[in-house]
Amino acid sequence: MSRTPVPLDERNIDSIRKVCTVMYGLTMVLLALTVFYRQFALGQATGEFEDIAVILTSNVIVGLGALLYFGGVALPRFGPRALAAAYLAFVIVGFGFTVFKYTVLLDQPMSAGALWSSFLTVATICALFTGFYVLAAYLGVRRIEKQAR
């Protein structure tokens, strides 16, 4: 058995996990605020902060999927109605933010065609994320059940 250079007990490991979790969350919030500040306060073009937005988005998407898969978050089993309600809520919030962003923050009126296109885009993205998260949670439950045997 190899010895670690710095012996850690359960309390040390728990403290490290708590600090890392808080710092991860703080980093994601600050990255989001940076993107919003650069886009809306400074009026920069999307290309000037797109790299930060891609890192933030991919990190949050993969992070949530990993939490569901590895069982770091114990979620109750959702029925089809609860999943449909959650999906609908995400679509409403996403579409509402999109309309608010273009009409209020960027002062760009949207035509009916642009509204419909935005709605379809938000609904499709939410459907993909919901499917990804349901699959990750399902596979995570199977993985945990397999380990328990």
N, C-alpha and C. Protein backbone atom coordinates (compact mmCIF):
# COMPACT_ATOMS: atom_id res chain seq x y z
N MET A 1 0.84 -1.17 0.00
CA MET A 1 0.00 0.00 0.00
C MET A 1 0.89 1.25 0.00
N SER A 2 0.62 2.17 -0.87
CA SER A 2 1.44 3.38 -0.93
C SER A 2 0.93 4.42 0.06
N ARG A 3 1.84 5.21 0.55
CA ARG A 3 1.48 6.26 1.50
C ARG A 3 1.37 7.58 0.76
N THR A 4 0.37 8.36 1.12
CA THR A 4 0.20 9.67 0.51
C THR A 4 1.16 10.65 1.18
N PRO A 5 1.65 11.65 0.44
CA PRO A 5 2.58 12.60 1.04
C PRO A 5 1.94 13.42 2.17
N VAL A 6 0.64 13.66 2.07
CA VAL A 6 -0.08 14.39 3.11
C VAL A 6 -1.26 13.52 3.55
N PRO A 7 -1.16 12.94 4.74
CA PRO A 7 -2.27 12.08 5.18
C PRO A 7 -3.52 12.92 5.48
N LEU A 8 -4.64 12.46 4.92
CA LEU A 8 -5.91 13.16 5.12
C LEU A 8 -6.92 12.22 5.75
N ASP A 9 -7.61 12.70 6.78
CA ASP A 9 -8.69 11.90 7.35
C ASP A 9 -10.01 12.35 6.73
N GLU A 10 -11.11 11.74 7.19
CA GLU A 10 -12.42 12.05 6.61
C GLU A 10 -12.81 13.51 6.79
N ARG A 11 -12.45 14.10 7.94
CA ARG A 11 -12.78 15.51 8.19
C ARG A 11 -12.06 16.42 7.22
N ASN A 12 -10.78 16.14 6.96
CA ASN A 12 -10.01 16.95 6.01
C ASN A 12 -10.60 16.84 4.61
N ILE A 13 -10.94 15.63 4.21
CA ILE A 13 -11.49 15.42 2.87
C ILE A 13 -12.84 16.11 2.74
N ASP A 14 -13.69 16.03 3.78
CA ASP A 14 -14.99 16.70 3.77
C ASP A 14 -14.82 18.22 3.66
N SER A 15 -13.86 18.77 4.38
CA SER A 15 -13.60 20.22 4.32
C SER A 15 -13.13 20.64 2.93
N ILE A 16 -12.27 19.85 2.34
CA ILE A 16 -11.77 20.14 0.99
C ILE A 16 -12.93 20.11 0.00
N ARG A 17 -13.80 19.12 0.10
CA ARG A 17 -14.95 19.02 -0.80
C ARG A 17 -15.88 20.22 -0.66
N LYS A 18 -16.13 20.65 0.57
CA LYS A 18 -17.00 21.81 0.78
C LYS A 18 -16.40 23.07 0.18
N VAL A 19 -15.13 23.29 0.41
CA VAL A 19 -14.46 24.48 -0.13
C VAL A 19 -14.46 24.44 -1.66
N CYS A 20 -14.15 23.30 -2.23
CA CYS A 20 -14.12 23.18 -3.69
C CYS A 20 -15.51 23.38 -4.29
N THR A 21 -16.54 22.88 -3.63
CA THR A 21 -17.90 23.06 -4.12
C THR A 21 -18.29 24.53 -4.11
N VAL A 22 -18.00 25.23 -3.02
CA VAL A 22 -18.32 26.66 -2.93
C VAL A 22 -17.53 27.44 -3.98
N MET A 23 -16.26 27.13 -4.14
CA MET A 23 -15.44 27.86 -5.11
C MET A 23 -15.90 27.58 -6.55
N TYR A 24 -16.30 26.35 -6.83
CA TYR A 24 -16.82 26.02 -8.16
C TYR A 24 -18.08 26.83 -8.45
N GLY A 25 -19.01 26.84 -7.49
CA GLY A 25 -20.25 27.60 -7.67
C GLY A 25 -19.98 29.09 -7.83
N LEU A 26 -19.09 29.62 -7.02
CA LEU A 26 -18.73 31.04 -7.12
C LEU A 26 -18.09 31.35 -8.47
N THR A 27 -17.24 30.48 -8.95
CA THR A 27 -16.61 30.68 -10.26
C THR A 27 -17.64 30.70 -11.38
N MET A 28 -18.60 29.78 -11.34
CA MET A 28 -19.63 29.75 -12.38
C MET A 28 -20.50 31.01 -12.35
N VAL A 29 -20.86 31.46 -11.15
CA VAL A 29 -21.66 32.69 -11.03
C VAL A 29 -20.87 33.89 -11.54
N LEU A 30 -19.61 33.99 -11.18
CA LEU A 30 -18.79 35.12 -11.64
C LEU A 30 -18.56 35.09 -13.15
N LEU A 31 -18.41 33.90 -13.73
CA LEU A 31 -18.29 33.81 -15.18
C LEU A 31 -19.57 34.27 -15.86
N ALA A 32 -20.72 33.87 -15.31
CA ALA A 32 -22.01 34.30 -15.87
C ALA A 32 -22.15 35.82 -15.77
N LEU A 33 -21.80 36.38 -14.62
CA LEU A 33 -21.87 37.84 -14.46
C LEU A 33 -20.92 38.56 -15.41
N THR A 34 -19.76 37.97 -15.65
CA THR A 34 -18.81 38.56 -16.60
C THR A 34 -19.40 38.59 -18.01
N VAL A 35 -20.03 37.49 -18.41
CA VAL A 35 -20.65 37.44 -19.74
C VAL A 35 -21.75 38.49 -19.85
N PHE A 36 -22.62 38.57 -18.84
CA PHE A 36 -23.72 39.56 -18.88
C PHE A 36 -23.18 40.99 -18.88
N TYR A 37 -22.16 41.25 -18.07
CA TYR A 37 -21.58 42.59 -18.01
C TYR A 37 -20.98 42.98 -19.36
N ARG A 38 -20.22 42.07 -19.95
CA ARG A 38 -19.58 42.39 -21.23
C ARG A 38 -20.61 42.57 -22.34
N GLN A 39 -21.70 41.78 -22.30
CA GLN A 39 -22.70 41.89 -23.35
C GLN A 39 -23.60 43.10 -23.17
N PHE A 40 -24.10 43.32 -21.97
CA PHE A 40 -25.12 44.34 -21.79
C PHE A 40 -24.57 45.68 -21.30
N ALA A 41 -23.60 45.69 -20.41
CA ALA A 41 -23.06 46.96 -19.91
C ALA A 41 -22.03 47.54 -20.87
N LEU A 42 -21.15 46.70 -21.37
CA LEU A 42 -20.11 47.19 -22.28
C LEU A 42 -20.55 47.16 -23.74
N GLY A 43 -21.60 46.40 -24.05
CA GLY A 43 -22.10 46.33 -25.41
C GLY A 43 -21.16 45.64 -26.38
N GLN A 44 -20.36 44.70 -25.88
CA GLN A 44 -19.43 44.00 -26.75
C GLN A 44 -20.16 43.02 -27.65
N ALA A 45 -19.56 42.76 -28.78
CA ALA A 45 -20.10 41.76 -29.70
C ALA A 45 -19.94 40.38 -29.08
N THR A 46 -20.81 39.46 -29.45
CA THR A 46 -20.79 38.11 -28.88
C THR A 46 -19.45 37.43 -29.08
N GLY A 47 -18.82 37.66 -30.20
CA GLY A 47 -17.54 37.03 -30.49
C GLY A 47 -16.44 37.40 -29.51
N GLU A 48 -16.60 38.52 -28.82
CA GLU A 48 -15.56 38.97 -27.89
C GLU A 48 -15.60 38.23 -26.55
N PHE A 49 -16.70 37.60 -26.22
CA PHE A 49 -16.79 36.86 -24.96
C PHE A 49 -17.34 35.46 -25.16
N GLU A 50 -17.42 35.03 -26.40
CA GLU A 50 -17.99 33.73 -26.72
C GLU A 50 -17.21 32.58 -26.07
N ASP A 51 -15.88 32.73 -25.97
CA ASP A 51 -15.07 31.68 -25.36
C ASP A 51 -15.46 31.47 -23.90
N ILE A 52 -15.69 32.55 -23.18
CA ILE A 52 -16.10 32.44 -21.78
C ILE A 52 -17.48 31.79 -21.69
N ALA A 53 -18.39 32.20 -22.57
CA ALA A 53 -19.75 31.64 -22.56
C ALA A 53 -19.74 30.14 -22.87
N VAL A 54 -18.90 29.72 -23.80
CA VAL A 54 -18.81 28.30 -24.14
C VAL A 54 -18.25 27.50 -22.97
N ILE A 55 -17.22 28.01 -22.32
CA ILE A 55 -16.64 27.32 -21.17
C ILE A 55 -17.67 27.22 -20.04
N LEU A 56 -18.37 28.31 -19.77
CA LEU A 56 -19.38 28.33 -18.72
C LEU A 56 -20.50 27.35 -19.03
N THR A 57 -21.03 27.42 -20.22
CA THR A 57 -22.15 26.57 -20.60
C THR A 57 -21.78 25.09 -20.57
N SER A 58 -20.68 24.74 -21.20
CA SER A 58 -20.28 23.33 -21.24
C SER A 58 -19.95 22.81 -19.85
N ASN A 59 -19.35 23.64 -19.01
CA ASN A 59 -19.02 23.22 -17.66
C ASN A 59 -20.27 22.94 -16.84
N VAL A 60 -21.26 23.80 -16.96
CA VAL A 60 -22.51 23.59 -16.20
C VAL A 60 -23.25 22.36 -16.74
N ILE A 61 -23.33 22.21 -18.05
CA ILE A 61 -24.04 21.07 -18.63
C ILE A 61 -23.39 19.75 -18.23
N VAL A 62 -22.09 19.64 -18.40
CA VAL A 62 -21.38 18.41 -18.07
C VAL A 62 -21.37 18.19 -16.56
N GLY A 63 -21.23 19.27 -15.79
CA GLY A 63 -21.22 19.15 -14.33
C GLY A 63 -22.53 18.59 -13.79
N LEU A 64 -23.66 19.10 -14.28
CA LEU A 64 -24.95 18.58 -13.83
C LEU A 64 -25.14 17.12 -14.24
N GLY A 65 -24.74 16.79 -15.46
CA GLY A 65 -24.83 15.40 -15.90
C GLY A 65 -23.97 14.47 -15.05
N ALA A 66 -22.77 14.93 -14.72
CA ALA A 66 -21.88 14.12 -13.88
C ALA A 66 -22.45 13.93 -12.48
N LEU A 67 -23.05 14.99 -11.92
CA LEU A 67 -23.69 14.87 -10.60
C LEU A 67 -24.80 13.83 -10.63
N LEU A 68 -25.60 13.87 -11.67
CA LEU A 68 -26.69 12.90 -11.78
C LEU A 68 -26.16 11.48 -11.98
N TYR A 69 -25.14 11.33 -12.81
CA TYR A 69 -24.62 9.99 -13.11
C TYR A 69 -23.91 9.37 -11.90
N PHE A 70 -23.05 10.13 -11.26
CA PHE A 70 -22.28 9.58 -10.16
C PHE A 70 -23.04 9.57 -8.84
N GLY A 71 -24.27 10.07 -8.85
CA GLY A 71 -25.10 9.98 -7.66
C GLY A 71 -24.73 10.97 -6.58
N GLY A 72 -24.05 12.04 -6.94
CA GLY A 72 -23.69 13.05 -5.96
C GLY A 72 -24.89 13.81 -5.45
N VAL A 73 -25.97 13.79 -6.21
CA VAL A 73 -27.22 14.45 -5.81
C VAL A 73 -28.30 13.40 -5.82
N ALA A 74 -28.90 13.21 -4.69
CA ALA A 74 -29.98 12.21 -4.60
C ALA A 74 -31.28 12.87 -5.04
N LEU A 75 -31.76 12.51 -6.20
CA LEU A 75 -33.00 13.05 -6.72
C LEU A 75 -34.09 12.00 -6.61
N PRO A 76 -35.27 12.40 -6.18
CA PRO A 76 -36.36 11.43 -6.17
C PRO A 76 -36.70 11.01 -7.60
N ARG A 77 -37.28 9.88 -7.72
CA ARG A 77 -37.67 9.43 -9.07
C ARG A 77 -38.83 10.27 -9.57
N PHE A 78 -38.63 10.83 -10.73
CA PHE A 78 -39.65 11.69 -11.31
C PHE A 78 -40.54 10.87 -12.23
N GLY A 79 -41.81 11.18 -12.18
CA GLY A 79 -42.75 10.55 -13.09
C GLY A 79 -42.82 11.37 -14.37
N PRO A 80 -43.53 10.87 -15.36
CA PRO A 80 -43.64 11.59 -16.64
C PRO A 80 -44.25 12.99 -16.48
N ARG A 81 -45.21 13.14 -15.58
CA ARG A 81 -45.83 14.46 -15.39
C ARG A 81 -44.84 15.46 -14.81
N ALA A 82 -44.07 15.02 -13.83
CA ALA A 82 -43.09 15.92 -13.21
C ALA A 82 -42.01 16.31 -14.23
N LEU A 83 -41.57 15.36 -15.04
CA LEU A 83 -40.57 15.67 -16.08
C LEU A 83 -41.14 16.64 -17.12
N ALA A 84 -42.39 16.41 -17.52
CA ALA A 84 -43.03 17.31 -18.48
C ALA A 84 -43.19 18.71 -17.89
N ALA A 85 -43.56 18.79 -16.62
CA ALA A 85 -43.71 20.09 -15.96
C ALA A 85 -42.36 20.81 -15.86
N ALA A 86 -41.31 20.07 -15.52
CA ALA A 86 -39.98 20.67 -15.44
C ALA A 86 -39.52 21.14 -16.82
N TYR A 87 -39.76 20.33 -17.84
CA TYR A 87 -39.40 20.71 -19.20
C TYR A 87 -40.15 21.98 -19.62
N LEU A 88 -41.44 22.02 -19.36
CA LEU A 88 -42.25 23.18 -19.70
C LEU A 88 -41.76 24.42 -18.96
N ALA A 89 -41.42 24.27 -17.69
CA ALA A 89 -40.90 25.40 -16.91
C ALA A 89 -39.60 25.92 -17.51
N PHE A 90 -38.70 25.01 -17.91
CA PHE A 90 -37.44 25.43 -18.51
C PHE A 90 -37.68 26.16 -19.84
N VAL A 91 -38.61 25.66 -20.62
CA VAL A 91 -38.93 26.32 -21.89
C VAL A 91 -39.49 27.72 -21.65
N ILE A 92 -40.39 27.85 -20.70
CA ILE A 92 -40.98 29.16 -20.42
C ILE A 92 -39.92 30.14 -19.92
N VAL A 93 -39.08 29.70 -19.00
CA VAL A 93 -38.03 30.58 -18.48
C VAL A 93 -37.03 30.93 -19.59
N GLY A 94 -36.62 29.95 -20.38
CA GLY A 94 -35.66 30.20 -21.46
C GLY A 94 -36.21 31.12 -22.52
N PHE A 95 -37.45 30.89 -22.92
CA PHE A 95 -38.07 31.75 -23.93
C PHE A 95 -38.31 33.15 -23.37
N GLY A 96 -38.74 33.23 -22.12
CA GLY A 96 -38.94 34.53 -21.49
C GLY A 96 -37.64 35.32 -21.42
N PHE A 97 -36.55 34.65 -21.06
CA PHE A 97 -35.26 35.33 -21.01
C PHE A 97 -34.83 35.78 -22.41
N THR A 98 -35.05 34.93 -23.40
CA THR A 98 -34.67 35.29 -24.77
C THR A 98 -35.43 36.52 -25.25
N VAL A 99 -36.73 36.55 -25.02
CA VAL A 99 -37.54 37.70 -25.43
C VAL A 99 -37.11 38.95 -24.65
N PHE A 100 -36.89 38.81 -23.34
CA PHE A 100 -36.44 39.94 -22.52
C PHE A 100 -35.09 40.46 -23.00
N LYS A 101 -34.19 39.54 -23.32
CA LYS A 101 -32.86 39.94 -23.76
C LYS A 101 -32.93 40.77 -25.04
N TYR A 102 -33.66 40.29 -26.03
CA TYR A 102 -33.70 40.99 -27.31
C TYR A 102 -34.55 42.25 -27.28
N THR A 103 -35.71 42.20 -26.62
CA THR A 103 -36.60 43.35 -26.67
C THR A 103 -36.24 44.44 -25.67
N VAL A 104 -35.79 44.06 -24.48
CA VAL A 104 -35.51 45.05 -23.44
C VAL A 104 -34.03 45.39 -23.37
N LEU A 105 -33.20 44.39 -23.20
CA LEU A 105 -31.78 44.66 -22.99
C LEU A 105 -31.05 45.12 -24.25
N LEU A 106 -31.39 44.51 -25.39
CA LEU A 106 -30.72 44.88 -26.64
C LEU A 106 -31.56 45.82 -27.50
N ASP A 107 -32.80 46.09 -27.09
CA ASP A 107 -33.71 47.00 -27.79
C ASP A 107 -33.85 46.65 -29.27
N GLN A 108 -34.07 45.36 -29.53
CA GLN A 108 -34.27 44.86 -30.89
C GLN A 108 -35.67 44.24 -30.97
N PRO A 109 -36.60 44.89 -31.64
CA PRO A 109 -37.94 44.30 -31.73
C PRO A 109 -37.89 42.97 -32.48
N MET A 110 -38.78 42.05 -32.07
CA MET A 110 -38.81 40.72 -32.68
C MET A 110 -40.11 40.55 -33.44
N SER A 111 -40.00 40.07 -34.67
CA SER A 111 -41.19 39.77 -35.46
C SER A 111 -41.80 38.46 -34.98
N ALA A 112 -42.99 38.15 -35.47
CA ALA A 112 -43.65 36.90 -35.10
C ALA A 112 -42.81 35.70 -35.54
N GLY A 113 -42.20 35.81 -36.71
CA GLY A 113 -41.34 34.72 -37.19
C GLY A 113 -40.12 34.53 -36.31
N ALA A 114 -39.53 35.64 -35.86
CA ALA A 114 -38.37 35.56 -34.98
C ALA A 114 -38.75 34.99 -33.62
N LEU A 115 -39.94 35.37 -33.13
CA LEU A 115 -40.42 34.82 -31.86
C LEU A 115 -40.61 33.30 -31.97
N TRP A 116 -41.25 32.87 -33.05
CA TRP A 116 -41.49 31.43 -33.26
C TRP A 116 -40.17 30.67 -33.40
N SER A 117 -39.24 31.23 -34.14
CA SER A 117 -37.93 30.62 -34.31
C SER A 117 -37.20 30.51 -32.98
N SER A 118 -37.26 31.57 -32.17
CA SER A 118 -36.63 31.55 -30.85
C SER A 118 -37.28 30.50 -29.95
N PHE A 119 -38.62 30.43 -30.01
CA PHE A 119 -39.33 29.44 -29.21
C PHE A 119 -38.91 28.02 -29.59
N LEU A 120 -38.85 27.74 -30.89
CA LEU A 120 -38.46 26.40 -31.34
C LEU A 120 -37.02 26.08 -30.92
N THR A 121 -36.14 27.06 -31.00
CA THR A 121 -34.75 26.84 -30.60
C THR A 121 -34.67 26.52 -29.11
N VAL A 122 -35.34 27.32 -28.29
CA VAL A 122 -35.33 27.09 -26.84
C VAL A 122 -35.95 25.73 -26.52
N ALA A 123 -37.08 25.40 -27.14
CA ALA A 123 -37.75 24.12 -26.87
C ALA A 123 -36.86 22.94 -27.27
N THR A 124 -36.17 23.05 -28.39
CA THR A 124 -35.29 21.97 -28.84
C THR A 124 -34.10 21.80 -27.90
N ILE A 125 -33.48 22.91 -27.52
CA ILE A 125 -32.33 22.84 -26.61
C ILE A 125 -32.75 22.27 -25.26
N CYS A 126 -33.89 22.72 -24.74
CA CYS A 126 -34.39 22.19 -23.47
C CYS A 126 -34.71 20.70 -23.58
N ALA A 127 -35.25 20.27 -24.70
CA ALA A 127 -35.55 18.85 -24.89
C ALA A 127 -34.26 18.02 -24.90
N LEU A 128 -33.23 18.52 -25.56
CA LEU A 128 -31.95 17.81 -25.59
C LEU A 128 -31.35 17.72 -24.19
N PHE A 129 -31.36 18.82 -23.46
CA PHE A 129 -30.81 18.81 -22.10
C PHE A 129 -31.61 17.91 -21.18
N THR A 130 -32.94 17.98 -21.27
CA THR A 130 -33.78 17.13 -20.44
C THR A 130 -33.51 15.66 -20.74
N GLY A 131 -33.43 15.31 -22.01
CA GLY A 131 -33.12 13.93 -22.38
C GLY A 131 -31.75 13.49 -21.87
N PHE A 132 -30.77 14.37 -21.98
CA PHE A 132 -29.41 14.07 -21.50
C PHE A 132 -29.41 13.84 -20.00
N TYR A 133 -30.12 14.71 -19.26
CA TYR A 133 -30.13 14.60 -17.80
C TYR A 133 -30.93 13.38 -17.33
N VAL A 134 -32.02 13.07 -18.01
CA VAL A 134 -32.80 11.89 -17.65
C VAL A 134 -31.96 10.63 -17.90
N LEU A 135 -31.26 10.59 -19.02
CA LEU A 135 -30.39 9.46 -19.33
C LEU A 135 -29.27 9.34 -18.30
N ALA A 136 -28.64 10.46 -17.95
CA ALA A 136 -27.56 10.44 -16.96
C ALA A 136 -28.06 9.95 -15.61
N ALA A 137 -29.23 10.43 -15.19
CA ALA A 137 -29.80 10.01 -13.91
C ALA A 137 -30.15 8.52 -13.94
N TYR A 138 -30.74 8.07 -15.03
CA TYR A 138 -31.11 6.65 -15.17
C TYR A 138 -29.87 5.76 -15.12
N LEU A 139 -28.86 6.12 -15.88
CA LEU A 139 -27.63 5.33 -15.89
C LEU A 139 -26.94 5.38 -14.53
N GLY A 140 -27.03 6.51 -13.85
CA GLY A 140 -26.45 6.63 -12.52
C GLY A 140 -27.13 5.74 -11.52
N VAL A 141 -28.46 5.67 -11.57
CA VAL A 141 -29.21 4.79 -10.68
C VAL A 141 -28.84 3.34 -10.96
N ARG A 142 -28.75 2.98 -12.23
CA ARG A 142 -28.36 1.60 -12.58
C ARG A 142 -26.96 1.29 -12.08
N ARG A 143 -26.05 2.26 -12.20
CA ARG A 143 -24.67 2.09 -11.76
C ARG A 143 -24.62 1.87 -10.25
N ILE A 144 -25.39 2.67 -9.49
CA ILE A 144 -25.39 2.54 -8.03
C ILE A 144 -26.02 1.20 -7.61
N GLU A 145 -27.11 0.80 -8.27
CA GLU A 145 -27.75 -0.48 -7.96
C GLU A 145 -26.80 -1.64 -8.26
N LYS A 146 -26.03 -1.52 -9.32
CA LYS A 146 -25.10 -2.57 -9.70
C LYS A 146 -23.97 -2.68 -8.66
N GLN A 147 -23.52 -1.53 -8.16
CA GLN A 147 -22.47 -1.53 -7.14
C GLN A 147 -22.97 -2.08 -5.80
N ALA A 148 -24.27 -1.90 -5.53
CA ALA A 148 -24.83 -2.36 -4.26
C ALA A 148 -24.96 -3.88 -4.21
N ARG A 149 -25.01 -4.51 -5.34
CA ARG A 149 -25.15 -5.99 -5.37
C ARG A 149 -23.90 -6.67 -5.01
